[in-house]
Structures are given as structure tokens and as C-alpha cells.
């Protein structure tokens, strides 16, 4: 029983840190040093109370569980009010799945905390719902990590191929003397070259490993500095 509850305590303490950090990334919310410290403190506090509850008094363990569930509720609320900020469809689906799982299972988890008693604190008293909650969360997070790192590898390969193509084949070209008068930044010149090569804003964001919003802002600046209103005018202005 001690090993069982210890394992759960470790897992839940880690989730108190990683769930908010993942969710903030999903929602495009800035993960500040303050957020980092708060989640670390919550995670350590939960772990210490859990261990004291296992070794000394089980009621302390229940307090640690209450801290966990309140934190999850706060994260769920943050996710709900910022859900509209998610642009990527895959990320949106992941957050939706995690939210639905949590909403469905959460009342049962709260009920378990209410009925916990030291005399029934054994493996057999743990409802299968609790196990399913952690299994689903971790499976979804592992799936996201796999998808994320695959995308990183693909983007790096794509970026390398694009660089080789640019250096070797010169698939696109534009009038450098025109850009000198327009006073484009180094990044804007780089993005301009991809635009003239027919790349979409989304493709540029993947190639350069920057957000789509950042690319959109650079493109808007290029249009303004160049005195054009759309992609066609831009191509006509700079293409040879």
C-alpha cells in the first residue's frame, strides 16, 4: 500500500507542474518565471504532504489531494477562457480531449476524496476511475510529445532542404537594389525571398521555426514598406 500511494504521489506531483506548463504552451500564454516558481512550489508541497500522509497521518494525504484537484480546476478554468486563442487544429483537439476527460471524471475524483478513510486506504479502495484519469492524461501528453518532436525533425529536414535548394539552385531571385531603398530588416528580406518563391505564410513559419503570427506581422511590414497591398503586387514589384 505504501509503495502504491507513493507512486501516485510522485505522479500527481509531477502533473501539478507539467499540466500547467503544457497547457500554457497550447494556449499561447506566456509561461513566466513567476508561473514556473508557483507550479514548482505547488508540486513540492503536494509531494511533501502526500509523504507525510502516507507515513504519519492519512488525513494529511487527503489535504494533498485537495490541493491537486483545486489546482486542476484552476487549470481547467484557464483553458476554458483561453480556448479561443488556439490556432492549431491538432492542439485544439488535444486540449478539447483533455478538457472533456477531466470534466467527466472530475466529480468522481472529488467523491473519492470525500469518502477516503484511513481504514480503507488500500489498493482495493482505489476506484478504476482514478487510474483511467491518469492513464488518459499521460497517453494524450505522450501522443502530443511524439507529434511535437516528429514535427521538429520534419521542420529541420525541410529547412535544411530549402537551404540547400536556395544555395544550389537559386529557385527564386529578386531585385536587391529595390530592397535597399525600402529598408527591410534582415528577417523581412529572408521572409520576402520565401514569399517570392511561392511559399505561404504557414510554410514560412515552419521553415523558420517561428510562429504564424510573427510571420504575418513581418509580411504586413513588408507590404507597408514596399507600398503594395497584396502578394501579386509584391511579386510584380520585386521579381525579375
C-alpha atoms as a PDB file:
ATOM      1  CA  UNK A   1       0.000   0.000   0.000  1.00  0.00           C
ATOM      2  CA  UNK A   2       2.816   2.406   0.883  1.00  0.00           C
ATOM      3  CA  UNK A   3       4.546   1.847  -2.458  1.00  0.00           C
ATOM      4  CA  UNK A   4       1.218   2.213  -4.271  1.00  0.00           C
ATOM      5  CA  UNK A   5       0.356   5.557  -2.697  1.00  0.00           C
ATOM      6  CA  UNK A   6       3.955   6.753  -3.012  1.00  0.00           C
ATOM      7  CA  UNK A   7       3.867   6.072  -6.771  1.00  0.00           C
ATOM      8  CA  UNK A   8       0.624   8.015  -7.126  1.00  0.00           C
ATOM      9  CA  UNK A   9       2.056  10.875  -5.076  1.00  0.00           C
ATOM     10  CA  UNK A  10       5.076  11.174  -7.349  1.00  0.00           C
ATOM     11  CA  UNK A  11       2.907  11.076 -10.468  1.00  0.00           C
ATOM     12  CA  UNK A  12       0.415  13.652  -9.185  1.00  0.00           C
ATOM     13  CA  UNK A  13       3.186  15.996  -8.003  1.00  0.00           C
ATOM     14  CA  UNK A  14       4.799  15.916 -11.445  1.00  0.00           C
ATOM     15  CA  UNK A  15       1.419  16.522 -13.099  1.00  0.00           C
ATOM     16  CA  UNK A  16       0.951  19.655 -10.967  1.00  0.00           C
ATOM     17  CA  UNK A  17       3.951  21.125 -12.762  1.00  0.00           C
ATOM     18  CA  UNK A  18       3.699  19.701 -16.252  1.00  0.00           C
ATOM     19  CA  UNK A  19      -0.047  20.078 -16.867  1.00  0.00           C
ATOM     20  CA  UNK A  20       0.010  23.909 -16.481  1.00  0.00           C
ATOM     21  CA  UNK A  21       3.274  24.244 -18.412  1.00  0.00           C
ATOM     22  CA  UNK A  22       1.902  22.196 -21.325  1.00  0.00           C
ATOM     23  CA  UNK A  23      -1.458  23.976 -21.269  1.00  0.00           C
ATOM     24  CA  UNK A  24       0.128  27.440 -21.290  1.00  0.00           C
ATOM     25  CA  UNK A  25       2.089  26.430 -24.365  1.00  0.00           C
ATOM     26  CA  UNK A  26      -1.062  25.095 -26.027  1.00  0.00           C
ATOM     27  CA  UNK A  27      -2.953  28.331 -25.287  1.00  0.00           C
ATOM     28  CA  UNK A  28      -0.095  30.621 -26.409  1.00  0.00           C
ATOM     29  CA  UNK A  29       0.080  32.137 -22.906  1.00  0.00           C
ATOM     30  CA  UNK A  30       3.470  33.402 -21.782  1.00  0.00           C
ATOM     31  CA  UNK A  31       4.980  30.934 -19.273  1.00  0.00           C
ATOM     32  CA  UNK A  32       6.785  33.370 -16.968  1.00  0.00           C
ATOM     33  CA  UNK A  33       9.334  32.796 -14.202  1.00  0.00           C
ATOM     34  CA  UNK A  34       6.557  33.526 -11.677  1.00  0.00           C
ATOM     35  CA  UNK A  35       4.340  30.774 -13.113  1.00  0.00           C
ATOM     36  CA  UNK A  36       7.300  28.408 -13.053  1.00  0.00           C
ATOM     37  CA  UNK A  37       8.039  29.065  -9.366  1.00  0.00           C
ATOM     38  CA  UNK A  38       4.377  28.774  -8.326  1.00  0.00           C
ATOM     39  CA  UNK A  39       3.992  25.384 -10.017  1.00  0.00           C
ATOM     40  CA  UNK A  40       7.263  24.102  -8.565  1.00  0.00           C
ATOM     41  CA  UNK A  41       6.167  25.145  -5.061  1.00  0.00           C
ATOM     42  CA  UNK A  42       2.751  23.503  -5.545  1.00  0.00           C
ATOM     43  CA  UNK A  43       4.373  20.322  -6.813  1.00  0.00           C
ATOM     44  CA  UNK A  44       6.849  20.085  -3.923  1.00  0.00           C
ATOM     45  CA  UNK A  45       4.187  20.978  -1.327  1.00  0.00           C
ATOM     46  CA  UNK A  46       1.872  18.299  -2.677  1.00  0.00           C
ATOM     47  CA  UNK A  47       4.648  15.687  -2.600  1.00  0.00           C
ATOM     48  CA  UNK A  48       5.712  16.520   0.979  1.00  0.00           C
ATOM     49  CA  UNK A  49       2.121  16.437   2.284  1.00  0.00           C
ATOM     50  CA  UNK A  50       1.486  13.158   0.463  1.00  0.00           C
ATOM     51  CA  UNK A  51       4.537  11.500   2.021  1.00  0.00           C
ATOM     52  CA  UNK A  52       3.636  12.804   5.485  1.00  0.00           C
ATOM     53  CA  UNK A  53       0.120  11.487   4.965  1.00  0.00           C
ATOM     54  CA  UNK A  54       1.406   8.042   3.992  1.00  0.00           C
ATOM     55  CA  UNK A  55       3.912   7.781   6.862  1.00  0.00           C
ATOM     56  CA  UNK A  56       2.204   9.693   9.687  1.00  0.00           C
ATOM     57  CA  UNK A  57      -1.492  10.502   9.256  1.00  0.00           C
ATOM     58  CA  UNK A  58      -3.675   9.708   6.258  1.00  0.00           C
ATOM     59  CA  UNK A  59      -5.743  12.883   6.681  1.00  0.00           C
ATOM     60  CA  UNK A  60      -2.676  14.854   5.562  1.00  0.00           C
ATOM     61  CA  UNK A  61      -2.677  12.770   2.380  1.00  0.00           C
ATOM     62  CA  UNK A  62      -6.274  13.864   1.752  1.00  0.00           C
ATOM     63  CA  UNK A  63      -5.184  17.525   2.084  1.00  0.00           C
ATOM     64  CA  UNK A  64      -2.575  16.945  -0.616  1.00  0.00           C
ATOM     65  CA  UNK A  65      -5.273  15.510  -2.884  1.00  0.00           C
ATOM     66  CA  UNK A  66      -7.479  18.554  -2.300  1.00  0.00           C
ATOM     67  CA  UNK A  67      -4.563  20.799  -3.357  1.00  0.00           C
ATOM     68  CA  UNK A  68      -4.185  18.737  -6.518  1.00  0.00           C
ATOM     69  CA  UNK A  69      -7.854  18.863  -7.511  1.00  0.00           C
ATOM     70  CA  UNK A  70      -8.189  22.599  -6.806  1.00  0.00           C
ATOM     71  CA  UNK A  71      -5.113  23.202  -8.982  1.00  0.00           C
ATOM     72  CA  UNK A  72      -6.572  21.085 -11.783  1.00  0.00           C
ATOM     73  CA  UNK A  73      -9.839  23.023 -11.565  1.00  0.00           C
ATOM     74  CA  UNK A  74      -7.910  26.305 -11.857  1.00  0.00           C
ATOM     75  CA  UNK A  75      -6.034  24.989 -14.905  1.00  0.00           C
ATOM     76  CA  UNK A  76      -9.323  23.816 -16.448  1.00  0.00           C
ATOM     77  CA  UNK A  77     -10.801  27.294 -15.967  1.00  0.00           C
ATOM     78  CA  UNK A  78      -7.750  28.943 -17.585  1.00  0.00           C
ATOM     79  CA  UNK A  79      -8.043  26.535 -20.509  1.00  0.00           C
ATOM     80  CA  UNK A  80     -11.759  27.290 -20.916  1.00  0.00           C
ATOM     81  CA  UNK A  81     -11.404  31.094 -21.050  1.00  0.00           C
ATOM     82  CA  UNK A  82      -8.368  30.960 -23.381  1.00  0.00           C
ATOM     83  CA  UNK A  83      -9.510  28.111 -25.668  1.00  0.00           C
ATOM     84  CA  UNK A  84     -10.319  30.528 -28.493  1.00  0.00           C
ATOM     85  CA  UNK A  85      -6.642  31.594 -28.648  1.00  0.00           C
ATOM     86  CA  UNK A  86      -5.582  28.218 -30.023  1.00  0.00           C
ATOM     87  CA  UNK A  87      -4.970  28.366 -33.775  1.00  0.00           C
ATOM     88  CA  UNK A  88      -3.531  24.925 -34.492  1.00  0.00           C
ATOM     89  CA  UNK A  89      -6.255  22.309 -35.081  1.00  0.00           C
ATOM     90  CA  UNK A  90      -4.208  19.448 -33.584  1.00  0.00           C
ATOM     91  CA  UNK A  91      -3.506  21.404 -30.386  1.00  0.00           C
ATOM     92  CA  UNK A  92      -7.163  22.408 -30.211  1.00  0.00           C
ATOM     93  CA  UNK A  93      -8.229  18.757 -30.427  1.00  0.00           C
ATOM     94  CA  UNK A  94      -5.758  17.744 -27.697  1.00  0.00           C
ATOM     95  CA  UNK A  95      -6.974  20.455 -25.309  1.00  0.00           C
ATOM     96  CA  UNK A  96     -10.607  19.541 -26.053  1.00  0.00           C
ATOM     97  CA  UNK A  97      -9.968  15.846 -25.299  1.00  0.00           C
ATOM     98  CA  UNK A  98      -8.168  16.649 -22.037  1.00  0.00           C
ATOM     99  CA  UNK A  99     -10.935  19.045 -21.023  1.00  0.00           C
ATOM    100  CA  UNK A 100     -13.729  16.538 -21.708  1.00  0.00           C
ATOM    101  CA  UNK A 101     -11.879  13.758 -19.858  1.00  0.00           C
ATOM    102  CA  UNK A 102     -11.332  15.997 -16.843  1.00  0.00           C
ATOM    103  CA  UNK A 103     -14.924  17.266 -16.734  1.00  0.00           C
ATOM    104  CA  UNK A 104     -16.349  13.736 -16.924  1.00  0.00           C
ATOM    105  CA  UNK A 105     -14.063  12.148 -14.336  1.00  0.00           C
ATOM    106  CA  UNK A 106     -13.551  15.119 -12.004  1.00  0.00           C
ATOM    107  CA  UNK A 107     -16.775  14.697  -9.932  1.00  0.00           C
ATOM    108  CA  UNK A 108     -15.901  11.054  -9.280  1.00  0.00           C
ATOM    109  CA  UNK A 109     -12.403  12.020  -8.141  1.00  0.00           C
ATOM    110  CA  UNK A 110     -13.838  14.604  -5.746  1.00  0.00           C
ATOM    111  CA  UNK A 111     -16.217  11.983  -4.365  1.00  0.00           C
ATOM    112  CA  UNK A 112     -13.291   9.681  -3.706  1.00  0.00           C
ATOM    113  CA  UNK A 113     -11.513  12.365  -1.705  1.00  0.00           C
ATOM    114  CA  UNK A 114     -14.648  12.897   0.394  1.00  0.00           C
ATOM    115  CA  UNK A 115     -15.083   9.190   1.243  1.00  0.00           C
ATOM    116  CA  UNK A 116     -11.382   8.425   1.862  1.00  0.00           C
ATOM    117  CA  UNK A 117     -10.769   6.948   5.311  1.00  0.00           C
ATOM    118  CA  UNK A 118      -7.548   5.617   6.755  1.00  0.00           C
ATOM    119  CA  UNK A 119      -9.064   2.198   7.404  1.00  0.00           C
ATOM    120  CA  UNK A 120      -9.890   1.758   3.700  1.00  0.00           C
ATOM    121  CA  UNK A 121      -6.652   3.259   2.394  1.00  0.00           C
ATOM    122  CA  UNK A 122      -5.532   0.272   0.416  1.00  0.00           C
ATOM    123  CA  UNK A 123      -5.119  -0.666  -3.231  1.00  0.00           C
ATOM    124  CA  UNK A 124      -8.562  -2.223  -3.405  1.00  0.00           C
ATOM    125  CA  UNK A 125     -10.227   1.022  -2.316  1.00  0.00           C
ATOM    126  CA  UNK A 126      -8.908   2.961  -5.307  1.00  0.00           C
ATOM    127  CA  UNK A 127     -11.582   3.257  -7.948  1.00  0.00           C
ATOM    128  CA  UNK A 128     -10.631   2.338 -11.513  1.00  0.00           C
ATOM    129  CA  UNK A 129     -11.762   5.852 -12.492  1.00  0.00           C
ATOM    130  CA  UNK A 130      -8.682   7.343 -10.849  1.00  0.00           C
ATOM    131  CA  UNK A 131      -6.418   5.048 -12.836  1.00  0.00           C
ATOM    132  CA  UNK A 132      -8.224   5.861 -16.082  1.00  0.00           C
ATOM    133  CA  UNK A 133      -7.846   9.589 -15.404  1.00  0.00           C
ATOM    134  CA  UNK A 134      -4.062   9.380 -15.131  1.00  0.00           C
ATOM    135  CA  UNK A 135      -3.752   6.882 -17.960  1.00  0.00           C
ATOM    136  CA  UNK A 136      -5.749   9.093 -20.362  1.00  0.00           C
ATOM    137  CA  UNK A 137      -3.888  12.256 -19.394  1.00  0.00           C
ATOM    138  CA  UNK A 138      -0.494  10.629 -19.842  1.00  0.00           C
ATOM    139  CA  UNK A 139      -1.424   8.898 -23.099  1.00  0.00           C
ATOM    140  CA  UNK A 140      -2.601  12.190 -24.592  1.00  0.00           C
ATOM    141  CA  UNK A 141       0.513  14.017 -23.381  1.00  0.00           C
ATOM    142  CA  UNK A 142       2.801  11.278 -24.739  1.00  0.00           C
ATOM    143  CA  UNK A 143       0.936  11.437 -28.039  1.00  0.00           C
ATOM    144  CA  UNK A 144       1.463  15.186 -28.152  1.00  0.00           C
ATOM    145  CA  UNK A 145       5.176  14.839 -27.368  1.00  0.00           C
ATOM    146  CA  UNK A 146       5.561  12.275 -30.144  1.00  0.00           C
ATOM    147  CA  UNK A 147       3.724  14.562 -32.601  1.00  0.00           C
ATOM    148  CA  UNK A 148       5.719  17.591 -31.446  1.00  0.00           C
ATOM    149  CA  UNK A 149       9.164  16.011 -31.839  1.00  0.00           C
ATOM    150  CA  UNK A 150       8.241  14.449 -35.179  1.00  0.00           C
ATOM    151  CA  UNK A 151       7.290  17.942 -36.370  1.00  0.00           C
ATOM    152  CA  UNK A 152      10.594  19.333 -35.110  1.00  0.00           C
ATOM    153  CA  UNK A 153      12.540  16.697 -37.041  1.00  0.00           C
ATOM    154  CA  UNK A 154      10.457  17.215 -40.197  1.00  0.00           C
ATOM    155  CA  UNK A 155      10.827  21.000 -39.981  1.00  0.00           C
ATOM    156  CA  UNK A 156      14.596  20.740 -39.551  1.00  0.00           C
ATOM    157  CA  UNK A 157      14.859  18.411 -42.546  1.00  0.00           C
ATOM    158  CA  UNK A 158      12.575  20.667 -44.581  1.00  0.00           C
ATOM    159  CA  UNK A 159      14.564  23.725 -43.545  1.00  0.00           C
ATOM    160  CA  UNK A 160      17.844  22.044 -44.495  1.00  0.00           C
ATOM    161  CA  UNK A 161      16.455  21.012 -47.889  1.00  0.00           C
ATOM    162  CA  UNK A 162      15.181  24.535 -48.505  1.00  0.00           C
ATOM    163  CA  UNK A 163      18.583  25.994 -47.600  1.00  0.00           C
ATOM    164  CA  UNK A 164      20.358  23.628 -49.989  1.00  0.00           C
ATOM    165  CA  UNK A 165      17.851  24.439 -52.692  1.00  0.00           C
ATOM    166  CA  UNK A 166      18.377  28.148 -52.187  1.00  0.00           C
ATOM    167  CA  UNK A 167      22.159  27.868 -52.236  1.00  0.00           C
ATOM    168  CA  UNK A 168      22.459  25.417 -55.101  1.00  0.00           C
ATOM    169  CA  UNK A 169      19.569  26.034 -57.449  1.00  0.00           C
ATOM    170  CA  UNK A 170      18.565  29.660 -56.799  1.00  0.00           C
ATOM    171  CA  UNK A 171      14.895  28.841 -57.402  1.00  0.00           C
ATOM    172  CA  UNK A 172      13.922  32.434 -56.729  1.00  0.00           C
ATOM    173  CA  UNK A 173      15.526  35.837 -57.140  1.00  0.00           C
ATOM    174  CA  UNK A 174      14.567  39.432 -56.569  1.00  0.00           C
ATOM    175  CA  UNK A 175      15.968  42.880 -57.163  1.00  0.00           C
ATOM    176  CA  UNK A 176      18.344  43.663 -54.305  1.00  0.00           C
ATOM    177  CA  UNK A 177      18.637  47.321 -55.347  1.00  0.00           C
ATOM    178  CA  UNK A 178      14.883  47.794 -54.762  1.00  0.00           C
ATOM    179  CA  UNK A 179      15.001  46.337 -51.263  1.00  0.00           C
ATOM    180  CA  UNK A 180      17.884  48.589 -50.256  1.00  0.00           C
ATOM    181  CA  UNK A 181      15.704  51.661 -50.732  1.00  0.00           C
ATOM    182  CA  UNK A 182      12.809  50.090 -48.836  1.00  0.00           C
ATOM    183  CA  UNK A 183      14.903  49.451 -45.709  1.00  0.00           C
ATOM    184  CA  UNK A 184      13.766  45.909 -44.922  1.00  0.00           C
ATOM    185  CA  UNK A 185      15.259  44.165 -41.934  1.00  0.00           C
ATOM    186  CA  UNK A 186      17.332  41.011 -42.338  1.00  0.00           C
ATOM    187  CA  UNK A 187      14.390  38.829 -41.245  1.00  0.00           C
ATOM    188  CA  UNK A 188      11.989  40.660 -43.579  1.00  0.00           C
ATOM    189  CA  UNK A 189      14.363  40.121 -46.529  1.00  0.00           C
ATOM    190  CA  UNK A 190      14.522  36.436 -45.631  1.00  0.00           C
ATOM    191  CA  UNK A 191      10.742  36.150 -45.480  1.00  0.00           C
ATOM    192  CA  UNK A 192      10.392  38.137 -48.698  1.00  0.00           C
ATOM    193  CA  UNK A 193      12.597  35.639 -50.506  1.00  0.00           C
ATOM    194  CA  UNK A 194      10.319  32.773 -49.427  1.00  0.00           C
ATOM    195  CA  UNK A 195       7.205  34.703 -50.420  1.00  0.00           C
ATOM    196  CA  UNK A 196       8.621  35.298 -53.892  1.00  0.00           C
ATOM    197  CA  UNK A 197       9.375  31.588 -54.095  1.00  0.00           C
ATOM    198  CA  UNK A 198       5.648  30.897 -53.660  1.00  0.00           C
ATOM    199  CA  UNK A 199       5.667  29.848 -50.014  1.00  0.00           C
ATOM    200  CA  UNK A 200       2.597  30.518 -47.878  1.00  0.00           C
ATOM    201  CA  UNK A 201       2.848  32.273 -44.516  1.00  0.00           C
ATOM    202  CA  UNK A 202       2.283  28.932 -42.776  1.00  0.00           C
ATOM    203  CA  UNK A 203       5.098  27.279 -44.724  1.00  0.00           C
ATOM    204  CA  UNK A 204       7.416  30.167 -43.880  1.00  0.00           C
ATOM    205  CA  UNK A 205       6.614  29.783 -40.182  1.00  0.00           C
ATOM    206  CA  UNK A 206       7.509  26.078 -40.345  1.00  0.00           C
ATOM    207  CA  UNK A 207      10.715  26.668 -42.316  1.00  0.00           C
ATOM    208  CA  UNK A 208      11.980  29.410 -39.998  1.00  0.00           C
ATOM    209  CA  UNK A 209      10.585  27.735 -36.854  1.00  0.00           C
ATOM    210  CA  UNK A 210       8.685  30.856 -35.762  1.00  0.00           C
ATOM    211  CA  UNK A 211       5.002  31.417 -35.003  1.00  0.00           C
ATOM    212  CA  UNK A 212       2.479  32.145 -37.742  1.00  0.00           C
ATOM    213  CA  UNK A 213       1.546  35.412 -36.022  1.00  0.00           C
ATOM    214  CA  UNK A 214       5.175  36.544 -36.217  1.00  0.00           C
ATOM    215  CA  UNK A 215       5.286  35.766 -39.945  1.00  0.00           C
ATOM    216  CA  UNK A 216       2.005  37.616 -40.504  1.00  0.00           C
ATOM    217  CA  UNK A 217       3.404  40.679 -38.739  1.00  0.00           C
ATOM    218  CA  UNK A 218       6.576  40.591 -40.860  1.00  0.00           C
ATOM    219  CA  UNK A 219       4.534  40.217 -44.057  1.00  0.00           C
ATOM    220  CA  UNK A 220       2.357  43.184 -43.079  1.00  0.00           C
ATOM    221  CA  UNK A 221       5.511  45.250 -42.509  1.00  0.00           C
ATOM    222  CA  UNK A 222       6.899  44.168 -45.893  1.00  0.00           C
ATOM    223  CA  UNK A 223       3.669  45.218 -47.624  1.00  0.00           C
ATOM    224  CA  UNK A 224       3.677  48.586 -45.874  1.00  0.00           C
ATOM    225  CA  UNK A 225       7.348  49.343 -46.577  1.00  0.00           C
ATOM    226  CA  UNK A 226       7.016  48.169 -50.182  1.00  0.00           C
ATOM    227  CA  UNK A 227       3.853  50.166 -50.835  1.00  0.00           C
ATOM    228  CA  UNK A 228       1.886  47.125 -52.003  1.00  0.00           C
ATOM    229  CA  UNK A 229      -1.466  45.725 -50.917  1.00  0.00           C
ATOM    230  CA  UNK A 230      -1.232  42.028 -51.752  1.00  0.00           C
ATOM    231  CA  UNK A 231       1.032  39.154 -52.783  1.00  0.00           C
ATOM    232  CA  UNK A 232       0.544  39.735 -56.508  1.00  0.00           C
ATOM    233  CA  UNK A 233       1.718  43.338 -56.297  1.00  0.00           C
ATOM    234  CA  UNK A 234       4.644  42.241 -54.162  1.00  0.00           C
ATOM    235  CA  UNK A 235       5.767  39.651 -56.724  1.00  0.00           C
ATOM    236  CA  UNK A 236       5.401  42.140 -59.578  1.00  0.00           C
ATOM    237  CA  UNK A 237       7.465  44.700 -57.698  1.00  0.00           C
ATOM    238  CA  UNK A 238      10.454  42.501 -56.840  1.00  0.00           C
ATOM    239  CA  UNK A 239      10.551  39.539 -59.224  1.00  0.00           C
ATOM    240  CA  UNK A 240      12.835  39.721 -62.232  1.00  0.00           C
END
